[in-house]
Amino acid sequence: AILPTFVFTIVGTLTTGTNLTPALIVQNAWTITKAYAYVKTAPTGASILIDINRNGTSIWNTDQGNRLTIPVSTQTGSQTIFDTTSLYEGDILSIDIDQVGSTVTGADITVELKVN
């Protein structure tokens, strides 16, 4: 079977906020295995922190320290540790940007959620 990858994008300069992209609908029961992030413009001064939500609740609802992070002066980040890994048909996925760079915020982000 071909597995989906859930892809979120934000074009332009990043700002913090909740539910910043169109929501994605889960089509089947899946298990989250990895999250990836890439920005065209790297953040400086502070890291970018990305939160992924299932039905409005963070998939890092117990340990926010594991949120998907793009470190200062880098363009990529990934994470394989989640508090919630189960997705079900009809679930709604959304992303929040909890922190942006303090000098250069970062720009043009792509976030991908890999499942199996």
PDB file of N, CA and C in Angstrom:
ATOM      1  N   ALA A   1       0.846  -1.195   0.000  1.00  0.00           N
ATOM      2  CA  ALA A   1       0.000   0.000   0.000  1.00  0.00           C
ATOM      3  C   ALA A   1       0.881   1.244   0.000  1.00  0.00           C
ATOM      4  N   ILE A   2       0.409   2.235  -0.666  1.00  0.00           N
ATOM      5  CA  ILE A   2       1.109   3.523  -0.668  1.00  0.00           C
ATOM      6  C   ILE A   2       0.655   4.299   0.557  1.00  0.00           C
ATOM      7  N   LEU A   3       1.613   4.745   1.360  1.00  0.00           N
ATOM      8  CA  LEU A   3       1.294   5.472   2.581  1.00  0.00           C
ATOM      9  C   LEU A   3       1.254   6.967   2.326  1.00  0.00           C
ATOM     10  N   PRO A   4       0.309   7.671   2.939  1.00  0.00           N
ATOM     11  CA  PRO A   4       0.250   9.121   2.751  1.00  0.00           C
ATOM     12  C   PRO A   4       1.331   9.818   3.563  1.00  0.00           C
ATOM     13  N   THR A   5       1.689  11.001   3.142  1.00  0.00           N
ATOM     14  CA  THR A   5       2.465  11.929   3.945  1.00  0.00           C
ATOM     15  C   THR A   5       1.612  13.175   4.078  1.00  0.00           C
ATOM     16  N   PHE A   6       1.378  13.628   5.292  1.00  0.00           N
ATOM     17  CA  PHE A   6       0.575  14.820   5.514  1.00  0.00           C
ATOM     18  C   PHE A   6       1.502  16.035   5.446  1.00  0.00           C
ATOM     19  N   VAL A   7       1.218  16.964   4.548  1.00  0.00           N
ATOM     20  CA  VAL A   7       2.111  18.081   4.269  1.00  0.00           C
ATOM     21  C   VAL A   7       1.411  19.413   4.542  1.00  0.00           C
ATOM     22  N   PHE A   8       2.033  20.230   5.382  1.00  0.00           N
ATOM     23  CA  PHE A   8       1.561  21.583   5.677  1.00  0.00           C
ATOM     24  C   PHE A   8       2.596  22.568   5.148  1.00  0.00           C
ATOM     25  N   THR A   9       2.145  23.684   4.597  1.00  0.00           N
ATOM     26  CA  THR A   9       3.084  24.727   4.167  1.00  0.00           C
ATOM     27  C   THR A   9       2.562  26.099   4.590  1.00  0.00           C
ATOM     28  N   ILE A  10       3.506  26.958   4.921  1.00  0.00           N
ATOM     29  CA  ILE A  10       3.216  28.369   5.177  1.00  0.00           C
ATOM     30  C   ILE A  10       4.205  29.156   4.338  1.00  0.00           C
ATOM     31  N   VAL A  11       3.692  29.979   3.454  1.00  0.00           N
ATOM     32  CA  VAL A  11       4.524  30.802   2.582  1.00  0.00           C
ATOM     33  C   VAL A  11       4.720  32.161   3.230  1.00  0.00           C
ATOM     34  N   GLY A  12       5.975  32.634   3.196  1.00  0.00           N
ATOM     35  CA  GLY A  12       6.262  33.970   3.710  1.00  0.00           C
ATOM     36  C   GLY A  12       6.894  33.934   5.091  1.00  0.00           C
ATOM     37  N   THR A  13       7.040  35.122   5.666  1.00  0.00           N
ATOM     38  CA  THR A  13       7.656  35.296   6.976  1.00  0.00           C
ATOM     39  C   THR A  13       6.805  34.620   8.045  1.00  0.00           C
ATOM     40  N   LEU A  14       7.441  33.848   8.908  1.00  0.00           N
ATOM     41  CA  LEU A  14       6.705  33.111   9.927  1.00  0.00           C
ATOM     42  C   LEU A  14       6.333  33.989  11.111  1.00  0.00           C
ATOM     43  N   THR A  15       5.143  33.732  11.641  1.00  0.00           N
ATOM     44  CA  THR A  15       4.687  34.358  12.879  1.00  0.00           C
ATOM     45  C   THR A  15       4.113  33.254  13.755  1.00  0.00           C
ATOM     46  N   THR A  16       4.054  33.505  15.043  1.00  0.00           N
ATOM     47  CA  THR A  16       3.455  32.516  15.928  1.00  0.00           C
ATOM     48  C   THR A  16       1.935  32.556  15.779  1.00  0.00           C
ATOM     49  N   GLY A  17       1.311  31.438  16.108  1.00  0.00           N
ATOM     50  CA  GLY A  17      -0.144  31.380  16.054  1.00  0.00           C
ATOM     51  C   GLY A  17      -0.627  29.951  16.035  1.00  0.00           C
ATOM     52  N   THR A  18      -1.940  29.792  16.136  1.00  0.00           N
ATOM     53  CA  THR A  18      -2.546  28.466  16.145  1.00  0.00           C
ATOM     54  C   THR A  18      -3.317  28.225  14.861  1.00  0.00           C
ATOM     55  N   ASN A  19      -3.379  26.963  14.456  1.00  0.00           N
ATOM     56  CA  ASN A  19      -4.180  26.542  13.313  1.00  0.00           C
ATOM     57  C   ASN A  19      -3.868  27.405  12.086  1.00  0.00           C
ATOM     58  N   LEU A  20      -2.587  27.477  11.715  1.00  0.00           N
ATOM     59  CA  LEU A  20      -2.116  28.448  10.725  1.00  0.00           C
ATOM     60  C   LEU A  20      -2.256  28.012   9.266  1.00  0.00           C
ATOM     61  N   THR A  21      -2.655  26.772   9.018  1.00  0.00           N
ATOM     62  CA  THR A  21      -2.789  26.294   7.642  1.00  0.00           C
ATOM     63  C   THR A  21      -4.164  25.654   7.478  1.00  0.00           C
ATOM     64  N   PRO A  22      -4.571  25.399   6.238  1.00  0.00           N
ATOM     65  CA  PRO A  22      -5.775  24.587   6.083  1.00  0.00           C
ATOM     66  C   PRO A  22      -5.588  23.248   6.786  1.00  0.00           C
ATOM     67  N   ALA A  23      -6.649  22.752   7.395  1.00  0.00           N
ATOM     68  CA  ALA A  23      -6.588  21.479   8.111  1.00  0.00           C
ATOM     69  C   ALA A  23      -6.475  20.326   7.122  1.00  0.00           C
ATOM     70  N   LEU A  24      -5.882  19.229   7.574  1.00  0.00           N
ATOM     71  CA  LEU A  24      -5.811  18.011   6.776  1.00  0.00           C
ATOM     72  C   LEU A  24      -6.676  16.949   7.439  1.00  0.00           C
ATOM     73  N   ILE A  25      -7.371  16.165   6.622  1.00  0.00           N
ATOM     74  CA  ILE A  25      -8.271  15.132   7.125  1.00  0.00           C
ATOM     75  C   ILE A  25      -7.603  13.777   6.959  1.00  0.00           C
ATOM     76  N   VAL A  26      -7.568  13.002   8.029  1.00  0.00           N
ATOM     77  CA  VAL A  26      -6.981  11.660   8.003  1.00  0.00           C
ATOM     78  C   VAL A  26      -7.981  10.711   7.326  1.00  0.00           C
ATOM     79  N   GLN A  27      -7.493   9.920   6.361  1.00  0.00           N
ATOM     80  CA  GLN A  27      -8.380   9.064   5.578  1.00  0.00           C
ATOM     81  C   GLN A  27      -8.458   7.635   6.078  1.00  0.00           C
ATOM     82  N   ASN A  28      -7.634   7.259   7.059  1.00  0.00           N
ATOM     83  CA  ASN A  28      -7.558   5.867   7.478  1.00  0.00           C
ATOM     84  C   ASN A  28      -6.929   5.824   8.867  1.00  0.00           C
ATOM     85  N   ALA A  29      -6.832   4.663   9.448  1.00  0.00           N
ATOM     86  CA  ALA A  29      -6.110   4.514  10.713  1.00  0.00           C
ATOM     87  C   ALA A  29      -4.622   4.375  10.401  1.00  0.00           C
ATOM     88  N   TRP A  30      -3.810   5.244  11.014  1.00  0.00           N
ATOM     89  CA  TRP A  30      -2.370   5.252  10.775  1.00  0.00           C
ATOM     90  C   TRP A  30      -1.641   5.434  12.087  1.00  0.00           C
ATOM     91  N   THR A  31      -0.336   5.180  12.073  1.00  0.00           N
ATOM     92  CA  THR A  31       0.526   5.453  13.213  1.00  0.00           C
ATOM     93  C   THR A  31       1.583   6.467  12.788  1.00  0.00           C
ATOM     94  N   ILE A  32       1.701   7.551  13.553  1.00  0.00           N
ATOM     95  CA  ILE A  32       2.699   8.583  13.262  1.00  0.00           C
ATOM     96  C   ILE A  32       4.093   8.014  13.568  1.00  0.00           C
ATOM     97  N   THR A  33       5.022   8.159  12.611  1.00  0.00           N
ATOM     98  CA  THR A  33       6.370   7.641  12.823  1.00  0.00           C
ATOM     99  C   THR A  33       7.443   8.724  12.843  1.00  0.00           C
ATOM    100  N   LYS A  34       7.245   9.815  12.116  1.00  0.00           N
ATOM    101  CA  LYS A  34       8.270  10.861  12.074  1.00  0.00           C
ATOM    102  C   LYS A  34       7.642  12.164  11.591  1.00  0.00           C
ATOM    103  N   ALA A  35       8.163  13.268  12.090  1.00  0.00           N
ATOM    104  CA  ALA A  35       7.768  14.592  11.618  1.00  0.00           C
ATOM    105  C   ALA A  35       9.012  15.304  11.113  1.00  0.00           C
ATOM    106  N   TYR A  36       8.852  16.019  10.018  1.00  0.00           N
ATOM    107  CA  TYR A  36       9.958  16.753   9.396  1.00  0.00           C
ATOM    108  C   TYR A  36       9.562  18.217   9.234  1.00  0.00           C
ATOM    109  N   ALA A  37      10.550  19.103   9.247  1.00  0.00           N
ATOM    110  CA  ALA A  37      10.296  20.510   8.955  1.00  0.00           C
ATOM    111  C   ALA A  37      11.473  21.082   8.167  1.00  0.00           C
ATOM    112  N   TYR A  38      11.153  22.007   7.271  1.00  0.00           N
ATOM    113  CA  TYR A  38      12.169  22.695   6.465  1.00  0.00           C
ATOM    114  C   TYR A  38      11.733  24.146   6.288  1.00  0.00           C
ATOM    115  N   VAL A  39      12.654  25.070   6.422  1.00  0.00           N
ATOM    116  CA  VAL A  39      12.394  26.474   6.100  1.00  0.00           C
ATOM    117  C   VAL A  39      13.392  26.936   5.050  1.00  0.00           C
ATOM    118  N   LYS A  40      12.942  27.768   4.120  1.00  0.00           N
ATOM    119  CA  LYS A  40      13.857  28.336   3.122  1.00  0.00           C
ATOM    120  C   LYS A  40      14.782  29.352   3.775  1.00  0.00           C
ATOM    121  N   THR A  41      14.240  30.115   4.745  1.00  0.00           N
ATOM    122  CA  THR A  41      15.039  31.095   5.480  1.00  0.00           C
ATOM    123  C   THR A  41      15.181  30.610   6.915  1.00  0.00           C
ATOM    124  N   ALA A  42      16.410  30.352   7.349  1.00  0.00           N
ATOM    125  CA  ALA A  42      16.665  29.824   8.696  1.00  0.00           C
ATOM    126  C   ALA A  42      16.382  30.888   9.760  1.00  0.00           C
ATOM    127  N   PRO A  43      15.920  30.441  10.950  1.00  0.00           N
ATOM    128  CA  PRO A  43      15.724  31.387  12.051  1.00  0.00           C
ATOM    129  C   PRO A  43      17.057  31.747  12.699  1.00  0.00           C
ATOM    130  N   THR A  44      17.149  32.970  13.217  1.00  0.00           N
ATOM    131  CA  THR A  44      18.302  33.335  14.037  1.00  0.00           C
ATOM    132  C   THR A  44      17.795  33.934  15.336  1.00  0.00           C
ATOM    133  N   GLY A  45      18.601  33.811  16.390  1.00  0.00           N
ATOM    134  CA  GLY A  45      18.234  34.345  17.701  1.00  0.00           C
ATOM    135  C   GLY A  45      17.438  33.378  18.547  1.00  0.00           C
ATOM    136  N   ALA A  46      16.614  32.551  17.921  1.00  0.00           N
ATOM    137  CA  ALA A  46      15.825  31.541  18.639  1.00  0.00           C
ATOM    138  C   ALA A  46      15.396  30.479  17.635  1.00  0.00           C
ATOM    139  N   SER A  47      15.104  29.300  18.136  1.00  0.00           N
ATOM    140  CA  SER A  47      14.643  28.204  17.288  1.00  0.00           C
ATOM    141  C   SER A  47      13.172  28.387  16.916  1.00  0.00           C
ATOM    142  N   ILE A  48      12.766  27.710  15.849  1.00  0.00           N
ATOM    143  CA  ILE A  48      11.355  27.633  15.500  1.00  0.00           C
ATOM    144  C   ILE A  48      10.785  26.388  16.186  1.00  0.00           C
ATOM    145  N   LEU A  49       9.659  26.552  16.884  1.00  0.00           N
ATOM    146  CA  LEU A  49       8.972  25.431  17.528  1.00  0.00           C
ATOM    147  C   LEU A  49       7.627  25.223  16.857  1.00  0.00           C
ATOM    148  N   ILE A  50       7.393  24.001  16.386  1.00  0.00           N
ATOM    149  CA  ILE A  50       6.175  23.666  15.652  1.00  0.00           C
ATOM    150  C   ILE A  50       5.397  22.645  16.457  1.00  0.00           C
ATOM    151  N   ASP A  51       4.107  22.869  16.593  1.00  0.00           N
ATOM    152  CA  ASP A  51       3.235  21.916  17.271  1.00  0.00           C
ATOM    153  C   ASP A  51       2.256  21.359  16.245  1.00  0.00           C
ATOM    154  N   ILE A  52       2.071  20.043  16.255  1.00  0.00           N
ATOM    155  CA  ILE A  52       1.111  19.389  15.372  1.00  0.00           C
ATOM    156  C   ILE A  52      -0.043  18.901  16.239  1.00  0.00           C
ATOM    157  N   ASN A  53      -1.251  19.187  15.820  1.00  0.00           N
ATOM    158  CA  ASN A  53      -2.437  18.853  16.598  1.00  0.00           C
ATOM    159  C   ASN A  53      -3.305  17.820  15.901  1.00  0.00           C
ATOM    160  N   ARG A  54      -3.824  16.886  16.689  1.00  0.00           N
ATOM    161  CA  ARG A  54      -4.852  15.953  16.229  1.00  0.00           C
ATOM    162  C   ARG A  54      -6.145  16.346  16.923  1.00  0.00           C
ATOM    163  N   ASN A  55      -7.129  16.745  16.141  1.00  0.00           N
ATOM    164  CA  ASN A  55      -8.419  17.186  16.682  1.00  0.00           C
ATOM    165  C   ASN A  55      -8.244  18.273  17.743  1.00  0.00           C
ATOM    166  N   GLY A  56      -7.305  19.192  17.498  1.00  0.00           N
ATOM    167  CA  GLY A  56      -7.107  20.340  18.373  1.00  0.00           C
ATOM    168  C   GLY A  56      -6.208  20.115  19.565  1.00  0.00           C
ATOM    169  N   THR A  57      -5.708  18.875  19.750  1.00  0.00           N
ATOM    170  CA  THR A  57      -4.825  18.575  20.884  1.00  0.00           C
ATOM    171  C   THR A  57      -3.444  18.203  20.369  1.00  0.00           C
ATOM    172  N   SER A  58      -2.422  18.774  20.982  1.00  0.00           N
ATOM    173  CA  SER A  58      -1.041  18.526  20.571  1.00  0.00           C
ATOM    174  C   SER A  58      -0.704  17.046  20.612  1.00  0.00           C
ATOM    175  N   ILE A  59       0.057  16.575  19.612  1.00  0.00           N
ATOM    176  CA  ILE A  59       0.558  15.198  19.666  1.00  0.00           C
ATOM    177  C   ILE A  59       1.744  15.113  20.630  1.00  0.00           C
ATOM    178  N   TRP A  60       2.141  16.253  21.199  1.00  0.00           N
ATOM    179  CA  TRP A  60       3.119  16.323  22.291  1.00  0.00           C
ATOM    180  C   TRP A  60       2.430  16.900  23.527  1.00  0.00           C
ATOM    181  N   ASN A  61       1.219  16.422  23.811  1.00  0.00           N
ATOM    182  CA  ASN A  61       0.424  17.020  24.892  1.00  0.00           C
ATOM    183  C   ASN A  61       1.002  16.763  26.274  1.00  0.00           C
ATOM    184  N   THR A  62       1.840  15.736  26.454  1.00  0.00           N
ATOM    185  CA  THR A  62       2.449  15.450  27.759  1.00  0.00           C
ATOM    186  C   THR A  62       3.798  16.135  27.901  1.00  0.00           C
ATOM    187  N   ASP A  63       4.645  16.036  26.873  1.00  0.00           N
ATOM    188  CA  ASP A  63       5.989  16.615  26.927  1.00  0.00           C
ATOM    189  C   ASP A  63       6.208  17.576  25.762  1.00  0.00           C
ATOM    190  N   GLN A  64       5.888  18.849  26.006  1.00  0.00           N
ATOM    191  CA  GLN A  64       6.044  19.874  24.976  1.00  0.00           C
ATOM    192  C   GLN A  64       7.509  20.085  24.587  1.00  0.00           C
ATOM    193  N   GLY A  65       8.443  19.596  25.408  1.00  0.00           N
ATOM    194  CA  GLY A  65       9.865  19.704  25.096  1.00  0.00           C
ATOM    195  C   GLY A  65      10.278  18.901  23.871  1.00  0.00           C
ATOM    196  N   ASN A  66       9.412  18.002  23.436  1.00  0.00           N
ATOM    197  CA  ASN A  66       9.723  17.186  22.254  1.00  0.00           C
ATOM    198  C   ASN A  66       9.138  17.739  20.960  1.00  0.00           C
ATOM    199  N   ARG A  67       8.522  18.920  21.012  1.00  0.00           N
ATOM    200  CA  ARG A  67       7.936  19.486  19.794  1.00  0.00           C
ATOM    201  C   ARG A  67       8.951  19.552  18.648  1.00  0.00           C
ATOM    202  N   LEU A  68       8.437  19.506  17.449  1.00  0.00           N
ATOM    203  CA  LEU A  68       9.257  19.611  16.245  1.00  0.00           C
ATOM    204  C   LEU A  68       9.983  20.955  16.266  1.00  0.00           C
ATOM    205  N   THR A  69      11.314  20.913  16.106  1.00  0.00           N
ATOM    206  CA  THR A  69      12.144  22.111  16.267  1.00  0.00           C
ATOM    207  C   THR A  69      13.071  22.290  15.066  1.00  0.00           C
ATOM    208  N   ILE A  70      13.176  23.527  14.602  1.00  0.00           N
ATOM    209  CA  ILE A  70      14.228  23.893  13.650  1.00  0.00           C
ATOM    210  C   ILE A  70      15.195  24.781  14.438  1.00  0.00           C
ATOM    211  N   PRO A  71      16.392  24.260  14.729  1.00  0.00           N
ATOM    212  CA  PRO A  71      17.337  25.021  15.553  1.00  0.00           C
ATOM    213  C   PRO A  71      17.819  26.310  14.876  1.00  0.00           C
ATOM    214  N   VAL A  72      18.355  27.215  15.700  1.00  0.00           N
ATOM    215  CA  VAL A  72      18.910  28.481  15.232  1.00  0.00           C
ATOM    216  C   VAL A  72      19.900  28.228  14.091  1.00  0.00           C
ATOM    217  N   SER A  73      19.798  29.043  13.056  1.00  0.00           N
ATOM    218  CA  SER A  73      20.722  29.043  11.918  1.00  0.00           C
ATOM    219  C   SER A  73      20.734  27.738  11.125  1.00  0.00           C
ATOM    220  N   THR A  74      19.685  26.931  11.238  1.00  0.00           N
ATOM    221  CA  THR A  74      19.558  25.740  10.406  1.00  0.00           C
ATOM    222  C   THR A  74      18.224  25.787   9.674  1.00  0.00           C
ATOM    223  N   GLN A  75      18.107  24.946   8.664  1.00  0.00           N
ATOM    224  CA  GLN A  75      16.890  24.968   7.843  1.00  0.00           C
ATOM    225  C   GLN A  75      16.000  23.756   8.037  1.00  0.00           C
ATOM    226  N   THR A  76      16.473  22.747   8.784  1.00  0.00           N
ATOM    227  CA  THR A  76      15.690  21.524   8.907  1.00  0.00           C
ATOM    228  C   THR A  76      15.603  21.051  10.353  1.00  0.00           C
ATOM    229  N   GLY A  77      14.586  20.251  10.606  1.00  0.00           N
ATOM    230  CA  GLY A  77      14.432  19.596  11.894  1.00  0.00           C
ATOM    231  C   GLY A  77      13.564  18.368  11.704  1.00  0.00           C
ATOM    232  N   SER A  78      13.685  17.402  12.620  1.00  0.00           N
ATOM    233  CA  SER A  78      12.814  16.229  12.570  1.00  0.00           C
ATOM    234  C   SER A  78      12.611  15.710  13.987  1.00  0.00           C
ATOM    235  N   GLN A  79      11.598  14.874  14.149  1.00  0.00           N
ATOM    236  CA  GLN A  79      11.292  14.317  15.459  1.00  0.00           C
ATOM    237  C   GLN A  79      10.639  12.947  15.293  1.00  0.00           C
ATOM    238  N   THR A  80      11.027  12.005  16.158  1.00  0.00           N
ATOM    239  CA  THR A  80      10.426  10.674  16.144  1.00  0.00           C
ATOM    240  C   THR A  80       9.791  10.320  17.490  1.00  0.00           C
ATOM    241  N   ILE A  81       9.767  11.264  18.429  1.00  0.00           N
ATOM    242  CA  ILE A  81       9.178  11.032  19.752  1.00  0.00           C
ATOM    243  C   ILE A  81       7.865  11.811  19.838  1.00  0.00           C
ATOM    244  N   PHE A  82       6.784  11.076  20.125  1.00  0.00           N
ATOM    245  CA  PHE A  82       5.449  11.674  20.201  1.00  0.00           C
ATOM    246  C   PHE A  82       4.728  11.126  21.421  1.00  0.00           C
ATOM    247  N   ASP A  83       3.829  11.915  22.009  1.00  0.00           N
ATOM    248  CA  ASP A  83       2.964  11.415  23.074  1.00  0.00           C
ATOM    249  C   ASP A  83       1.748  10.710  22.484  1.00  0.00           C
ATOM    250  N   THR A  84       1.297  11.167  21.330  1.00  0.00           N
ATOM    251  CA  THR A  84       0.166  10.562  20.623  1.00  0.00           C
ATOM    252  C   THR A  84       0.668  10.107  19.267  1.00  0.00           C
ATOM    253  N   THR A  85       0.490   8.821  18.942  1.00  0.00           N
ATOM    254  CA  THR A  85       0.921   8.320  17.638  1.00  0.00           C
ATOM    255  C   THR A  85      -0.232   7.777  16.805  1.00  0.00           C
ATOM    256  N   SER A  86      -1.388   7.567  17.395  1.00  0.00           N
ATOM    257  CA  SER A  86      -2.507   6.964  16.667  1.00  0.00           C
ATOM    258  C   SER A  86      -3.361   8.012  15.967  1.00  0.00           C
ATOM    259  N   LEU A  87      -3.615   7.759  14.692  1.00  0.00           N
ATOM    260  CA  LEU A  87      -4.541   8.573  13.913  1.00  0.00           C
ATOM    261  C   LEU A  87      -5.685   7.674  13.471  1.00  0.00           C
ATOM    262  N   TYR A  88      -6.875   8.261  13.359  1.00  0.00           N
ATOM    263  CA  TYR A  88      -8.060   7.511  12.960  1.00  0.00           C
ATOM    264  C   TYR A  88      -8.761   8.236  11.824  1.00  0.00           C
ATOM    265  N   GLU A  89      -9.469   7.482  11.013  1.00  0.00           N
ATOM    266  CA  GLU A  89     -10.209   8.081   9.900  1.00  0.00           C
ATOM    267  C   GLU A  89     -11.104   9.198  10.421  1.00  0.00           C
ATOM    268  N   GLY A  90     -11.025  10.336   9.763  1.00  0.00           N
ATOM    269  CA  GLY A  90     -11.830  11.487  10.150  1.00  0.00           C
ATOM    270  C   GLY A  90     -11.140  12.460  11.086  1.00  0.00           C
ATOM    271  N   ASP A  91      -9.978  12.073  11.665  1.00  0.00           N
ATOM    272  CA  ASP A  91      -9.234  13.009  12.506  1.00  0.00           C
ATOM    273  C   ASP A  91      -8.830  14.232  11.681  1.00  0.00           C
ATOM    274  N   ILE A  92      -8.718  15.360  12.362  1.00  0.00           N
ATOM    275  CA  ILE A  92      -8.317  16.618  11.728  1.00  0.00           C
ATOM    276  C   ILE A  92      -6.934  16.996  12.244  1.00  0.00           C
ATOM    277  N   LEU A  93      -6.002  17.212  11.320  1.00  0.00           N
ATOM    278  CA  LEU A  93      -4.644  17.618  11.673  1.00  0.00           C
ATOM    279  C   LEU A  93      -4.449  19.100  11.384  1.00  0.00           C
ATOM    280  N   SER A  94      -3.769  19.780  12.289  1.00  0.00           N
ATOM    281  CA  SER A  94      -3.457  21.196  12.103  1.00  0.00           C
ATOM    282  C   SER A  94      -2.108  21.481  12.745  1.00  0.00           C
ATOM    283  N   ILE A  95      -1.525  22.624  12.411  1.00  0.00           N
ATOM    284  CA  ILE A  95      -0.247  22.988  13.029  1.00  0.00           C
ATOM    285  C   ILE A  95      -0.312  24.379  13.650  1.00  0.00           C
ATOM    286  N   ASP A  96       0.481  24.514  14.701  1.00  0.00           N
ATOM    287  CA  ASP A  96       0.709  25.802  15.353  1.00  0.00           C
ATOM    288  C   ASP A  96       2.195  26.106  15.231  1.00  0.00           C
ATOM    289  N   ILE A  97       2.521  27.378  15.143  1.00  0.00           N
ATOM    290  CA  ILE A  97       3.910  27.810  15.289  1.00  0.00           C
ATOM    291  C   ILE A  97       3.986  28.458  16.670  1.00  0.00           C
ATOM    292  N   ASP A  98       4.683  27.788  17.599  1.00  0.00           N
ATOM    293  CA  ASP A  98       4.730  28.251  18.979  1.00  0.00           C
ATOM    294  C   ASP A  98       5.850  29.253  19.233  1.00  0.00           C
ATOM    295  N   GLN A  99       6.909  29.201  18.399  1.00  0.00           N
ATOM    296  CA  GLN A  99       8.027  30.134  18.552  1.00  0.00           C
ATOM    297  C   GLN A  99       8.689  30.315  17.207  1.00  0.00           C
ATOM    298  N   VAL A 100       9.131  31.534  16.933  1.00  0.00           N
ATOM    299  CA  VAL A 100       9.905  31.826  15.718  1.00  0.00           C
ATOM    300  C   VAL A 100      11.236  32.434  16.143  1.00  0.00           C
ATOM    301  N   GLY A 101      12.149  32.595  15.191  1.00  0.00           N
ATOM    302  CA  GLY A 101      13.421  33.231  15.498  1.00  0.00           C
ATOM    303  C   GLY A 101      13.214  34.638  16.041  1.00  0.00           C
ATOM    304  N   SER A 102      14.082  35.071  16.948  1.00  0.00           N
ATOM    305  CA  SER A 102      13.918  36.395  17.565  1.00  0.00           C
ATOM    306  C   SER A 102      14.587  37.505  16.761  1.00  0.00           C
ATOM    307  N   THR A 103      15.593  37.172  15.948  1.00  0.00           N
ATOM    308  CA  THR A 103      16.251  38.175  15.095  1.00  0.00           C
ATOM    309  C   THR A 103      15.709  38.052  13.683  1.00  0.00           C
ATOM    310  N   VAL A 104      15.904  36.887  13.068  1.00  0.00           N
ATOM    311  CA  VAL A 104      15.239  36.540  11.806  1.00  0.00           C
ATOM    312  C   VAL A 104      14.243  35.445  12.155  1.00  0.00           C
ATOM    313  N   THR A 105      12.965  35.691  11.852  1.00  0.00           N
ATOM    314  CA  THR A 105      11.921  34.757  12.301  1.00  0.00           C
ATOM    315  C   THR A 105      11.964  33.424  11.571  1.00  0.00           C
ATOM    316  N   GLY A 106      12.447  33.450  10.332  1.00  0.00           N
ATOM    317  CA  GLY A 106      12.370  32.272   9.474  1.00  0.00           C
ATOM    318  C   GLY A 106      11.227  32.473   8.487  1.00  0.00           C
ATOM    319  N   ALA A 107      11.307  31.786   7.337  1.00  0.00           N
ATOM    320  CA  ALA A 107      10.277  31.976   6.320  1.00  0.00           C
ATOM    321  C   ALA A 107      10.104  30.725   5.477  1.00  0.00           C
ATOM    322  N   ASP A 108       8.901  30.607   4.918  1.00  0.00           N
ATOM    323  CA  ASP A 108       8.567  29.563   3.939  1.00  0.00           C
ATOM    324  C   ASP A 108       8.810  28.164   4.507  1.00  0.00           C
ATOM    325  N   ILE A 109       7.906  27.733   5.376  1.00  0.00           N
ATOM    326  CA  ILE A 109       8.069  26.453   6.059  1.00  0.00           C
ATOM    327  C   ILE A 109       7.237  25.345   5.412  1.00  0.00           C
ATOM    328  N   THR A 110       7.816  24.165   5.396  1.00  0.00           N
ATOM    329  CA  THR A 110       7.100  22.948   5.035  1.00  0.00           C
ATOM    330  C   THR A 110       7.221  21.986   6.204  1.00  0.00           C
ATOM    331  N   VAL A 111       6.091  21.438   6.638  1.00  0.00           N
ATOM    332  CA  VAL A 111       6.063  20.447   7.718  1.00  0.00           C
ATOM    333  C   VAL A 111       5.439  19.175   7.151  1.00  0.00           C
ATOM    334  N   GLU A 112       6.086  18.044   7.352  1.00  0.00           N
ATOM    335  CA  GLU A 112       5.554  16.777   6.854  1.00  0.00           C
ATOM    336  C   GLU A 112       5.431  15.793   8.003  1.00  0.00           C
ATOM    337  N   LEU A 113       4.338  15.061   8.005  1.00  0.00           N
ATOM    338  CA  LEU A 113       4.082  14.039   9.012  1.00  0.00           C
ATOM    339  C   LEU A 113       4.018  12.692   8.313  1.00  0.00           C
ATOM    340  N   LYS A 114       4.965  11.809   8.671  1.00  0.00           N
ATOM    341  CA  LYS A 114       5.066  10.477   8.074  1.00  0.00           C
ATOM    342  C   LYS A 114       4.302   9.474   8.928  1.00  0.00           C
ATOM    343  N   VAL A 115       3.571   8.581   8.271  1.00  0.00           N
ATOM    344  CA  VAL A 115       2.791   7.567   8.994  1.00  0.00           C
ATOM    345  C   VAL A 115       3.025   6.194   8.401  1.00  0.00           C
ATOM    346  N   ASN A 116       2.646   5.168   9.157  1.00  0.00           N
ATOM    347  CA  ASN A 116       2.619   3.825   8.592  1.00  0.00           C
ATOM    348  C   ASN A 116       1.418   3.071   9.118  1.00  0.00           C
TER     349      ASN A 116
END
